[in-house]
Amino acid sequence: MIDTKIGASNSKDDPASVAEAVFAALQADSGRVVTGLKNKNMSAVTEALPDRAAAALHRGMPKPGSAA
């Protein structure tokens, strides 16, 4: 994962705040949690796109060797 674009990114959310948000969502019986402004924006964009376009947008991020 370290050699992927996502793994090499320095702009990850704080794990404690993510865990807190997930716990709060579980308590509220919510089935979906999106934390961080960047993730919320990406989520909104991909929700508006057709599945093929959303997949193409995300395809390169977890690809091994994409961090270089």
N, C-alpha and C. Protein backbone atom coordinates (compact mmCIF):
# COMPACT_ATOMS: atom_id res chain seq x y z
N MET A 1 0.82 -1.19 0.00
CA MET A 1 0.00 0.00 0.00
C MET A 1 0.86 1.26 0.00
N ILE A 2 2.09 1.17 0.53
CA ILE A 2 2.95 2.35 0.61
C ILE A 2 3.34 2.86 -0.77
N ASP A 3 3.44 1.97 -1.77
CA ASP A 3 3.85 2.40 -3.10
C ASP A 3 2.66 2.84 -3.96
N THR A 4 1.50 3.05 -3.36
CA THR A 4 0.34 3.54 -4.10
C THR A 4 0.16 5.03 -3.85
N LYS A 5 -0.59 5.69 -4.73
CA LYS A 5 -0.86 7.11 -4.59
C LYS A 5 -1.56 7.40 -3.27
N ILE A 6 -2.47 6.54 -2.86
CA ILE A 6 -3.19 6.72 -1.61
C ILE A 6 -2.25 6.50 -0.43
N GLY A 7 -1.47 5.44 -0.45
CA GLY A 7 -0.59 5.12 0.66
C GLY A 7 0.51 6.14 0.88
N ALA A 8 1.00 6.74 -0.19
CA ALA A 8 2.08 7.71 -0.09
C ALA A 8 1.59 9.11 0.26
N SER A 9 0.29 9.33 0.21
CA SER A 9 -0.27 10.64 0.49
C SER A 9 -0.04 11.04 1.95
N ASN A 10 0.32 12.30 2.16
CA ASN A 10 0.51 12.83 3.51
C ASN A 10 -0.75 13.50 4.04
N SER A 11 -1.80 13.50 3.26
CA SER A 11 -3.02 14.22 3.66
C SER A 11 -4.11 13.27 4.16
N LYS A 12 -3.71 12.29 4.94
CA LYS A 12 -4.69 11.35 5.49
C LYS A 12 -5.33 11.95 6.73
N ASP A 13 -6.57 11.56 6.99
CA ASP A 13 -7.27 12.00 8.19
C ASP A 13 -6.67 11.35 9.43
N ASP A 14 -6.80 12.02 10.55
CA ASP A 14 -6.32 11.50 11.82
C ASP A 14 -7.11 10.24 12.17
N PRO A 15 -6.43 9.12 12.43
CA PRO A 15 -7.13 7.87 12.72
C PRO A 15 -8.10 7.97 13.90
N ALA A 16 -7.74 8.74 14.91
CA ALA A 16 -8.62 8.88 16.08
C ALA A 16 -9.91 9.59 15.72
N SER A 17 -9.83 10.62 14.87
CA SER A 17 -11.06 11.33 14.48
C SER A 17 -11.93 10.47 13.57
N VAL A 18 -11.29 9.66 12.74
CA VAL A 18 -12.06 8.74 11.88
C VAL A 18 -12.77 7.70 12.74
N ALA A 19 -12.05 7.13 13.71
CA ALA A 19 -12.66 6.14 14.59
C ALA A 19 -13.81 6.75 15.37
N GLU A 20 -13.66 7.98 15.82
CA GLU A 20 -14.72 8.67 16.55
C GLU A 20 -15.95 8.86 15.67
N ALA A 21 -15.74 9.25 14.42
CA ALA A 21 -16.85 9.44 13.49
C ALA A 21 -17.56 8.12 13.19
N VAL A 22 -16.79 7.06 13.03
CA VAL A 22 -17.37 5.74 12.77
C VAL A 22 -18.17 5.27 13.98
N PHE A 23 -17.63 5.46 15.17
CA PHE A 23 -18.34 5.05 16.38
C PHE A 23 -19.66 5.83 16.51
N ALA A 24 -19.62 7.13 16.25
CA ALA A 24 -20.83 7.95 16.32
C ALA A 24 -21.86 7.48 15.29
N ALA A 25 -21.40 7.11 14.10
CA ALA A 25 -22.32 6.62 13.06
C ALA A 25 -22.92 5.28 13.46
N LEU A 26 -22.13 4.43 14.08
CA LEU A 26 -22.67 3.15 14.55
C LEU A 26 -23.74 3.37 15.62
N GLN A 27 -23.48 4.30 16.51
CA GLN A 27 -24.44 4.60 17.56
C GLN A 27 -25.74 5.16 16.98
N ALA A 28 -25.62 5.91 15.89
CA ALA A 28 -26.79 6.51 15.24
C ALA A 28 -27.42 5.57 14.22
N ASP A 29 -26.88 4.34 14.10
CA ASP A 29 -27.37 3.35 13.14
C ASP A 29 -27.28 3.84 11.70
N SER A 30 -26.21 4.60 11.41
CA SER A 30 -25.98 5.10 10.06
C SER A 30 -25.11 4.10 9.30
N GLY A 31 -25.44 3.89 8.05
CA GLY A 31 -24.71 2.91 7.25
C GLY A 31 -23.55 3.47 6.47
N ARG A 32 -23.31 4.79 6.58
CA ARG A 32 -22.27 5.39 5.77
C ARG A 32 -21.57 6.50 6.55
N VAL A 33 -20.24 6.52 6.45
CA VAL A 33 -19.44 7.55 7.11
C VAL A 33 -18.41 8.06 6.11
N VAL A 34 -18.34 9.36 5.93
CA VAL A 34 -17.31 9.98 5.09
C VAL A 34 -16.71 11.10 5.92
N THR A 35 -15.42 10.99 6.24
CA THR A 35 -14.76 12.01 7.04
C THR A 35 -13.81 12.83 6.19
N GLY A 36 -13.59 14.05 6.59
CA GLY A 36 -12.64 14.93 5.90
C GLY A 36 -13.24 15.62 4.69
N LEU A 37 -12.88 16.87 4.50
CA LEU A 37 -13.43 17.67 3.41
C LEU A 37 -13.09 17.10 2.04
N LYS A 38 -11.84 16.67 1.86
CA LYS A 38 -11.42 16.12 0.57
C LYS A 38 -12.23 14.85 0.23
N ASN A 39 -12.42 13.99 1.22
CA ASN A 39 -13.19 12.76 1.00
C ASN A 39 -14.66 13.07 0.73
N LYS A 40 -15.20 14.06 1.43
CA LYS A 40 -16.60 14.44 1.22
C LYS A 40 -16.81 15.00 -0.18
N ASN A 41 -15.85 15.80 -0.65
CA ASN A 41 -15.93 16.33 -2.01
C ASN A 41 -15.85 15.21 -3.04
N MET A 42 -14.90 14.30 -2.85
CA MET A 42 -14.74 13.19 -3.78
C MET A 42 -15.99 12.31 -3.78
N SER A 43 -16.56 12.09 -2.63
CA SER A 43 -17.76 11.28 -2.51
C SER A 43 -18.93 11.93 -3.26
N ALA A 44 -19.07 13.25 -3.09
CA ALA A 44 -20.16 13.97 -3.77
C ALA A 44 -20.00 13.91 -5.28
N VAL A 45 -18.77 14.07 -5.75
CA VAL A 45 -18.51 14.02 -7.19
C VAL A 45 -18.82 12.64 -7.75
N THR A 46 -18.32 11.60 -7.08
CA THR A 46 -18.51 10.25 -7.61
C THR A 46 -19.96 9.79 -7.50
N GLU A 47 -20.72 10.32 -6.54
CA GLU A 47 -22.15 9.98 -6.45
C GLU A 47 -22.90 10.53 -7.66
N ALA A 48 -22.44 11.67 -8.19
CA ALA A 48 -23.10 12.31 -9.31
C ALA A 48 -22.70 11.70 -10.66
N LEU A 49 -21.60 10.97 -10.68
CA LEU A 49 -21.10 10.39 -11.93
C LEU A 49 -21.69 9.00 -12.17
N PRO A 50 -21.75 8.59 -13.43
CA PRO A 50 -22.09 7.19 -13.72
C PRO A 50 -21.01 6.28 -13.14
N ASP A 51 -21.36 5.04 -12.85
CA ASP A 51 -20.42 4.10 -12.23
C ASP A 51 -19.12 3.95 -13.00
N ARG A 52 -19.18 3.88 -14.32
CA ARG A 52 -17.96 3.72 -15.12
C ARG A 52 -17.02 4.91 -14.95
N ALA A 53 -17.57 6.11 -14.92
CA ALA A 53 -16.76 7.32 -14.77
C ALA A 53 -16.15 7.39 -13.37
N ALA A 54 -16.94 7.03 -12.36
CA ALA A 54 -16.43 7.03 -10.99
C ALA A 54 -15.31 6.00 -10.83
N ALA A 55 -15.47 4.84 -11.44
CA ALA A 55 -14.43 3.81 -11.37
C ALA A 55 -13.16 4.29 -12.06
N ALA A 56 -13.29 4.96 -13.19
CA ALA A 56 -12.12 5.48 -13.90
C ALA A 56 -11.40 6.54 -13.06
N LEU A 57 -12.17 7.34 -12.35
CA LEU A 57 -11.59 8.38 -11.50
C LEU A 57 -10.77 7.77 -10.36
N HIS A 58 -11.25 6.69 -9.79
CA HIS A 58 -10.59 6.05 -8.66
C HIS A 58 -9.53 5.02 -9.06
N ARG A 59 -9.55 4.58 -10.30
CA ARG A 59 -8.72 3.46 -10.74
C ARG A 59 -7.23 3.62 -10.43
N GLY A 60 -6.67 4.79 -10.63
CA GLY A 60 -5.22 4.97 -10.46
C GLY A 60 -4.75 5.10 -9.03
N MET A 61 -5.64 5.44 -8.12
CA MET A 61 -5.21 5.70 -6.73
C MET A 61 -4.63 4.49 -6.01
N PRO A 62 -5.26 3.31 -6.06
CA PRO A 62 -4.70 2.17 -5.34
C PRO A 62 -3.76 1.30 -6.20
N LYS A 63 -3.45 1.75 -7.40
CA LYS A 63 -2.62 0.95 -8.30
C LYS A 63 -1.18 0.88 -7.79
N PRO A 64 -0.63 -0.33 -7.63
CA PRO A 64 0.75 -0.47 -7.16
C PRO A 64 1.72 0.29 -8.07
N GLY A 65 2.64 1.01 -7.46
CA GLY A 65 3.63 1.77 -8.22
C GLY A 65 3.17 3.17 -8.61
N SER A 66 1.94 3.55 -8.25
CA SER A 66 1.42 4.85 -8.65
C SER A 66 1.96 6.00 -7.81
N ALA A 67 2.69 5.69 -6.74
CA ALA A 67 3.22 6.75 -5.87
C ALA A 67 4.40 7.47 -6.50
N ALA A 68 5.05 6.84 -7.43
CA ALA A 68 6.26 7.42 -8.03
C ALA A 68 5.98 8.58 -8.92
